[in-house]
Amino acid sequence: MTNIKVALSGGPAELTEQHRDWTVGSIGDVAKVSFGAGYEHFSHEGEFTTTSGGDHVPVFAWCGRTRVAE
């Protein structure tokens, strides 16, 4: 399985910087980041950016949140 490096954009302000760089298996996937008592969801909407390291990566924008079932 190939891991594609992506940049995450948006979501809760409390989401730490360590979660801003992420990998997905496919550009069509939804990135699901465990955060607090749930998951933050990010998807690709066509935007790309260049990282400080010079990598050209897709930007995954925040698209919602789900809570962990109790």
PDB file of N, CA and C in Angstrom:
ATOM      1  N   MET A   1       0.843  -1.180   0.000  1.00  0.00           N
ATOM      2  CA  MET A   1       0.000   0.000   0.000  1.00  0.00           C
ATOM      3  C   MET A   1       0.888   1.244   0.000  1.00  0.00           C
ATOM      4  N   THR A   2       0.562   2.183  -0.859  1.00  0.00           N
ATOM      5  CA  THR A   2       1.309   3.425  -0.950  1.00  0.00           C
ATOM      6  C   THR A   2       0.760   4.440   0.040  1.00  0.00           C
ATOM      7  N   ASN A   3       1.651   5.131   0.732  1.00  0.00           N
ATOM      8  CA  ASN A   3       1.237   6.209   1.621  1.00  0.00           C
ATOM      9  C   ASN A   3       1.541   7.531   0.953  1.00  0.00           C
ATOM     10  N   ILE A   4       0.511   8.360   0.804  1.00  0.00           N
ATOM     11  CA  ILE A   4       0.634   9.673   0.186  1.00  0.00           C
ATOM     12  C   ILE A   4       0.648  10.721   1.290  1.00  0.00           C
ATOM     13  N   LYS A   5       1.704  11.528   1.332  1.00  0.00           N
ATOM     14  CA  LYS A   5       1.802  12.594   2.320  1.00  0.00           C
ATOM     15  C   LYS A   5       0.828  13.705   1.942  1.00  0.00           C
ATOM     16  N   VAL A   6       0.037  14.184   2.911  1.00  0.00           N
ATOM     17  CA  VAL A   6      -0.925  15.257   2.671  1.00  0.00           C
ATOM     18  C   VAL A   6      -0.792  16.315   3.759  1.00  0.00           C
ATOM     19  N   ALA A   7      -1.292  17.515   3.488  1.00  0.00           N
ATOM     20  CA  ALA A   7      -1.360  18.580   4.484  1.00  0.00           C
ATOM     21  C   ALA A   7      -2.812  18.721   4.914  1.00  0.00           C
ATOM     22  N   LEU A   8      -3.057  18.779   6.214  1.00  0.00           N
ATOM     23  CA  LEU A   8      -4.409  18.965   6.739  1.00  0.00           C
ATOM     24  C   LEU A   8      -4.671  20.445   6.950  1.00  0.00           C
ATOM     25  N   SER A   9      -5.891  20.874   6.661  1.00  0.00           N
ATOM     26  CA  SER A   9      -6.262  22.279   6.793  1.00  0.00           C
ATOM     27  C   SER A   9      -7.602  22.390   7.503  1.00  0.00           C
ATOM     28  N   GLY A  10      -7.701  23.322   8.440  1.00  0.00           N
ATOM     29  CA  GLY A  10      -8.956  23.536   9.152  1.00  0.00           C
ATOM     30  C   GLY A  10      -9.100  22.621  10.340  1.00  0.00           C
ATOM     31  N   GLY A  11     -10.321  22.503  10.817  1.00  0.00           N
ATOM     32  CA  GLY A  11     -10.589  21.688  11.994  1.00  0.00           C
ATOM     33  C   GLY A  11     -10.485  22.512  13.259  1.00  0.00           C
ATOM     34  N   PRO A  12     -10.591  21.863  14.409  1.00  0.00           N
ATOM     35  CA  PRO A  12     -10.559  22.580  15.676  1.00  0.00           C
ATOM     36  C   PRO A  12      -9.200  23.233  15.937  1.00  0.00           C
ATOM     37  N   ALA A  13      -9.230  24.406  16.545  1.00  0.00           N
ATOM     38  CA  ALA A  13      -8.005  25.146  16.841  1.00  0.00           C
ATOM     39  C   ALA A  13      -7.083  24.352  17.762  1.00  0.00           C
ATOM     40  N   GLU A  14      -7.659  23.476  18.565  1.00  0.00           N
ATOM     41  CA  GLU A  14      -6.864  22.705  19.525  1.00  0.00           C
ATOM     42  C   GLU A  14      -6.096  21.557  18.874  1.00  0.00           C
ATOM     43  N   LEU A  15      -6.384  21.257  17.616  1.00  0.00           N
ATOM     44  CA  LEU A  15      -5.684  20.176  16.933  1.00  0.00           C
ATOM     45  C   LEU A  15      -4.207  20.544  16.857  1.00  0.00           C
ATOM     46  N   THR A  16      -3.353  19.722  17.436  1.00  0.00           N
ATOM     47  CA  THR A  16      -1.938  20.067  17.530  1.00  0.00           C
ATOM     48  C   THR A  16      -1.248  20.052  16.182  1.00  0.00           C
ATOM     49  N   GLU A  17      -0.148  20.761  16.083  1.00  0.00           N
ATOM     50  CA  GLU A  17       0.618  20.835  14.845  1.00  0.00           C
ATOM     51  C   GLU A  17       1.140  19.469  14.401  1.00  0.00           C
ATOM     52  N   GLN A  18       1.317  18.541  15.328  1.00  0.00           N
ATOM     53  CA  GLN A  18       1.815  17.214  14.940  1.00  0.00           C
ATOM     54  C   GLN A  18       0.824  16.490  14.037  1.00  0.00           C
ATOM     55  N   HIS A  19      -0.433  16.885  14.031  1.00  0.00           N
ATOM     56  CA  HIS A  19      -1.432  16.264  13.171  1.00  0.00           C
ATOM     57  C   HIS A  19      -1.593  16.984  11.837  1.00  0.00           C
ATOM     58  N   ARG A  20      -0.876  18.055  11.601  1.00  0.00           N
ATOM     59  CA  ARG A  20      -1.047  18.817  10.359  1.00  0.00           C
ATOM     60  C   ARG A  20      -0.411  18.118   9.158  1.00  0.00           C
ATOM     61  N   ASP A  21       0.538  17.226   9.382  1.00  0.00           N
ATOM     62  CA  ASP A  21       1.109  16.402   8.315  1.00  0.00           C
ATOM     63  C   ASP A  21       0.570  14.996   8.500  1.00  0.00           C
ATOM     64  N   TRP A  22       0.029  14.413   7.443  1.00  0.00           N
ATOM     65  CA  TRP A  22      -0.655  13.136   7.554  1.00  0.00           C
ATOM     66  C   TRP A  22      -0.398  12.330   6.298  1.00  0.00           C
ATOM     67  N   THR A  23      -0.656  11.031   6.331  1.00  0.00           N
ATOM     68  CA  THR A  23      -0.568  10.220   5.123  1.00  0.00           C
ATOM     69  C   THR A  23      -1.892   9.494   4.911  1.00  0.00           C
ATOM     70  N   VAL A  24      -2.202   9.262   3.638  1.00  0.00           N
ATOM     71  CA  VAL A  24      -3.396   8.502   3.265  1.00  0.00           C
ATOM     72  C   VAL A  24      -2.981   7.459   2.227  1.00  0.00           C
ATOM     73  N   GLY A  25      -3.803   6.444   2.031  1.00  0.00           N
ATOM     74  CA  GLY A  25      -3.517   5.414   1.050  1.00  0.00           C
ATOM     75  C   GLY A  25      -3.867   5.833  -0.364  1.00  0.00           C
ATOM     76  N   SER A  26      -4.843   6.739  -0.486  1.00  0.00           N
ATOM     77  CA  SER A  26      -5.311   7.199  -1.790  1.00  0.00           C
ATOM     78  C   SER A  26      -5.809   8.630  -1.659  1.00  0.00           C
ATOM     79  N   ILE A  27      -5.638   9.422  -2.703  1.00  0.00           N
ATOM     80  CA  ILE A  27      -6.089  10.815  -2.667  1.00  0.00           C
ATOM     81  C   ILE A  27      -7.612  10.898  -2.535  1.00  0.00           C
ATOM     82  N   GLY A  28      -8.313   9.809  -2.851  1.00  0.00           N
ATOM     83  CA  GLY A  28      -9.763   9.772  -2.721  1.00  0.00           C
ATOM     84  C   GLY A  28     -10.238   9.387  -1.332  1.00  0.00           C
ATOM     85  N   ASP A  29      -9.313   9.004  -0.454  1.00  0.00           N
ATOM     86  CA  ASP A  29      -9.670   8.626   0.916  1.00  0.00           C
ATOM     87  C   ASP A  29     -10.055   9.844   1.745  1.00  0.00           C
ATOM     88  N   VAL A  30     -10.761   9.589   2.845  1.00  0.00           N
ATOM     89  CA  VAL A  30     -11.002  10.605   3.864  1.00  0.00           C
ATOM     90  C   VAL A  30      -9.998  10.335   4.972  1.00  0.00           C
ATOM     91  N   ALA A  31      -9.231  11.370   5.348  1.00  0.00           N
ATOM     92  CA  ALA A  31      -8.277  11.234   6.453  1.00  0.00           C
ATOM     93  C   ALA A  31      -9.062  11.344   7.756  1.00  0.00           C
ATOM     94  N   LYS A  32      -8.901  10.369   8.640  1.00  0.00           N
ATOM     95  CA  LYS A  32      -9.618  10.314   9.905  1.00  0.00           C
ATOM     96  C   LYS A  32      -8.590  10.435  11.028  1.00  0.00           C
ATOM     97  N   VAL A  33      -8.622  11.565  11.753  1.00  0.00           N
ATOM     98  CA  VAL A  33      -7.648  11.843  12.805  1.00  0.00           C
ATOM     99  C   VAL A  33      -8.327  11.713  14.160  1.00  0.00           C
ATOM    100  N   SER A  34      -7.832  10.802  14.999  1.00  0.00           N
ATOM    101  CA  SER A  34      -8.355  10.651  16.349  1.00  0.00           C
ATOM    102  C   SER A  34      -8.014  11.893  17.151  1.00  0.00           C
ATOM    103  N   PHE A  35      -9.042  12.504  17.751  1.00  0.00           N
ATOM    104  CA  PHE A  35      -8.830  13.738  18.509  1.00  0.00           C
ATOM    105  C   PHE A  35      -9.897  13.851  19.583  1.00  0.00           C
ATOM    106  N   GLY A  36      -9.471  13.963  20.845  1.00  0.00           N
ATOM    107  CA  GLY A  36     -10.424  14.062  21.946  1.00  0.00           C
ATOM    108  C   GLY A  36     -11.293  12.817  22.012  1.00  0.00           C
ATOM    109  N   ALA A  37     -12.610  13.014  22.063  1.00  0.00           N
ATOM    110  CA  ALA A  37     -13.555  11.895  22.158  1.00  0.00           C
ATOM    111  C   ALA A  37     -14.172  11.570  20.807  1.00  0.00           C
ATOM    112  N   GLY A  38     -13.409  11.785  19.738  1.00  0.00           N
ATOM    113  CA  GLY A  38     -13.958  11.498  18.419  1.00  0.00           C
ATOM    114  C   GLY A  38     -12.898  11.498  17.341  1.00  0.00           C
ATOM    115  N   TYR A  39     -13.349  11.714  16.124  1.00  0.00           N
ATOM    116  CA  TYR A  39     -12.471  11.752  14.958  1.00  0.00           C
ATOM    117  C   TYR A  39     -12.766  13.004  14.140  1.00  0.00           C
ATOM    118  N   GLU A  40     -11.705  13.656  13.684  1.00  0.00           N
ATOM    119  CA  GLU A  40     -11.825  14.785  12.764  1.00  0.00           C
ATOM    120  C   GLU A  40     -11.622  14.225  11.361  1.00  0.00           C
ATOM    121  N   HIS A  41     -12.464  14.617  10.413  1.00  0.00           N
ATOM    122  CA  HIS A  41     -12.416  14.095   9.051  1.00  0.00           C
ATOM    123  C   HIS A  41     -11.953  15.195   8.089  1.00  0.00           C
ATOM    124  N   PHE A  42     -11.076  14.808   7.173  1.00  0.00           N
ATOM    125  CA  PHE A  42     -10.512  15.716   6.181  1.00  0.00           C
ATOM    126  C   PHE A  42     -10.592  15.057   4.815  1.00  0.00           C
ATOM    127  N   SER A  43     -10.915  15.831   3.770  1.00  0.00           N
ATOM    128  CA  SER A  43     -10.973  15.277   2.417  1.00  0.00           C
ATOM    129  C   SER A  43     -10.307  16.231   1.425  1.00  0.00           C
ATOM    130  N   HIS A  44      -9.903  15.676   0.284  1.00  0.00           N
ATOM    131  CA  HIS A  44      -9.228  16.462  -0.742  1.00  0.00           C
ATOM    132  C   HIS A  44     -10.256  17.120  -1.648  1.00  0.00           C
ATOM    133  N   GLU A  45     -10.116  18.428  -1.855  1.00  0.00           N
ATOM    134  CA  GLU A  45     -11.051  19.174  -2.699  1.00  0.00           C
ATOM    135  C   GLU A  45     -10.350  19.767  -3.914  1.00  0.00           C
ATOM    136  N   GLY A  46      -9.143  19.263  -4.233  1.00  0.00           N
ATOM    137  CA  GLY A  46      -8.447  19.699  -5.437  1.00  0.00           C
ATOM    138  C   GLY A  46      -7.271  20.635  -5.204  1.00  0.00           C
ATOM    139  N   GLU A  47      -7.091  21.125  -3.978  1.00  0.00           N
ATOM    140  CA  GLU A  47      -6.005  22.077  -3.685  1.00  0.00           C
ATOM    141  C   GLU A  47      -4.698  21.336  -3.393  1.00  0.00           C
ATOM    142  N   PHE A  48      -3.588  21.957  -3.771  1.00  0.00           N
ATOM    143  CA  PHE A  48      -2.253  21.445  -3.475  1.00  0.00           C
ATOM    144  C   PHE A  48      -1.434  22.562  -2.852  1.00  0.00           C
ATOM    145  N   THR A  49      -0.395  22.197  -2.104  1.00  0.00           N
ATOM    146  CA  THR A  49       0.505  23.178  -1.499  1.00  0.00           C
ATOM    147  C   THR A  49       1.923  22.630  -1.531  1.00  0.00           C
ATOM    148  N   THR A  50       2.878  23.516  -1.327  1.00  0.00           N
ATOM    149  CA  THR A  50       4.278  23.113  -1.218  1.00  0.00           C
ATOM    150  C   THR A  50       4.689  23.259   0.243  1.00  0.00           C
ATOM    151  N   THR A  51       5.220  22.181   0.827  1.00  0.00           N
ATOM    152  CA  THR A  51       5.637  22.203   2.226  1.00  0.00           C
ATOM    153  C   THR A  51       6.945  22.963   2.386  1.00  0.00           C
ATOM    154  N   SER A  52       7.314  23.229   3.628  1.00  0.00           N
ATOM    155  CA  SER A  52       8.585  23.908   3.901  1.00  0.00           C
ATOM    156  C   SER A  52       9.765  23.057   3.438  1.00  0.00           C
ATOM    157  N   GLY A  53       9.572  21.748   3.318  1.00  0.00           N
ATOM    158  CA  GLY A  53      10.608  20.851   2.827  1.00  0.00           C
ATOM    159  C   GLY A  53      10.654  20.744   1.308  1.00  0.00           C
ATOM    160  N   GLY A  54       9.752  21.454   0.620  1.00  0.00           N
ATOM    161  CA  GLY A  54       9.749  21.464  -0.835  1.00  0.00           C
ATOM    162  C   GLY A  54       8.870  20.411  -1.493  1.00  0.00           C
ATOM    163  N   ASP A  55       8.131  19.630  -0.701  1.00  0.00           N
ATOM    164  CA  ASP A  55       7.238  18.615  -1.264  1.00  0.00           C
ATOM    165  C   ASP A  55       5.945  19.263  -1.747  1.00  0.00           C
ATOM    166  N   HIS A  56       5.455  18.850  -2.915  1.00  0.00           N
ATOM    167  CA  HIS A  56       4.177  19.308  -3.456  1.00  0.00           C
ATOM    168  C   HIS A  56       3.132  18.277  -3.034  1.00  0.00           C
ATOM    169  N   VAL A  57       2.222  18.655  -2.116  1.00  0.00           N
ATOM    170  CA  VAL A  57       1.290  17.688  -1.532  1.00  0.00           C
ATOM    171  C   VAL A  57      -0.151  18.178  -1.652  1.00  0.00           C
ATOM    172  N   PRO A  58      -1.106  17.240  -1.686  1.00  0.00           N
ATOM    173  CA  PRO A  58      -2.515  17.627  -1.687  1.00  0.00           C
ATOM    174  C   PRO A  58      -2.924  18.163  -0.314  1.00  0.00           C
ATOM    175  N   VAL A  59      -3.826  19.131  -0.315  1.00  0.00           N
ATOM    176  CA  VAL A  59      -4.375  19.677   0.920  1.00  0.00           C
ATOM    177  C   VAL A  59      -5.709  18.986   1.187  1.00  0.00           C
ATOM    178  N   PHE A  60      -5.844  18.423   2.376  1.00  0.00           N
ATOM    179  CA  PHE A  60      -7.093  17.811   2.802  1.00  0.00           C
ATOM    180  C   PHE A  60      -7.771  18.776   3.773  1.00  0.00           C
ATOM    181  N   ALA A  61      -8.952  19.270   3.396  1.00  0.00           N
ATOM    182  CA  ALA A  61      -9.686  20.255   4.203  1.00  0.00           C
ATOM    183  C   ALA A  61     -10.621  19.549   5.175  1.00  0.00           C
ATOM    184  N   TRP A  62     -10.787  20.150   6.346  1.00  0.00           N
ATOM    185  CA  TRP A  62     -11.671  19.606   7.370  1.00  0.00           C
ATOM    186  C   TRP A  62     -13.092  19.546   6.821  1.00  0.00           C
ATOM    187  N   CYS A  63     -13.757  18.408   7.004  1.00  0.00           N
ATOM    188  CA  CYS A  63     -15.122  18.269   6.484  1.00  0.00           C
ATOM    189  C   CYS A  63     -16.111  17.752   7.517  1.00  0.00           C
ATOM    190  N   GLY A  64     -15.667  17.534   8.748  1.00  0.00           N
ATOM    191  CA  GLY A  64     -16.613  17.121   9.779  1.00  0.00           C
ATOM    192  C   GLY A  64     -15.965  16.373  10.923  1.00  0.00           C
ATOM    193  N   ARG A  65     -16.816  15.990  11.862  1.00  0.00           N
ATOM    194  CA  ARG A  65     -16.359  15.319  13.083  1.00  0.00           C
ATOM    195  C   ARG A  65     -17.361  14.237  13.443  1.00  0.00           C
ATOM    196  N   THR A  66     -16.863  13.124  13.947  1.00  0.00           N
ATOM    197  CA  THR A  66     -17.737  12.095  14.521  1.00  0.00           C
ATOM    198  C   THR A  66     -17.259  11.822  15.927  1.00  0.00           C
ATOM    199  N   ARG A  67     -18.179  11.403  16.769  1.00  0.00           N
ATOM    200  CA  ARG A  67     -17.861  11.072  18.155  1.00  0.00           C
ATOM    201  C   ARG A  67     -17.688   9.562  18.291  1.00  0.00           C
ATOM    202  N   VAL A  68     -16.866   9.168  19.261  1.00  0.00           N
ATOM    203  CA  VAL A  68     -16.674   7.758  19.558  1.00  0.00           C
ATOM    204  C   VAL A  68     -17.931   7.255  20.274  1.00  0.00           C
ATOM    205  N   ALA A  69     -18.477   6.138  19.814  1.00  0.00           N
ATOM    206  CA  ALA A  69     -19.666   5.558  20.441  1.00  0.00           C
ATOM    207  C   ALA A  69     -19.320   5.025  21.826  1.00  0.00           C
ATOM    208  N   GLU A  70     -20.198   5.262  22.754  1.00  0.00           N
ATOM    209  CA  GLU A  70     -19.971   4.768  24.120  1.00  0.00           C
ATOM    210  C   GLU A  70     -20.749   3.517  24.397  1.00  0.00           C
TER     211      GLU A  70
END
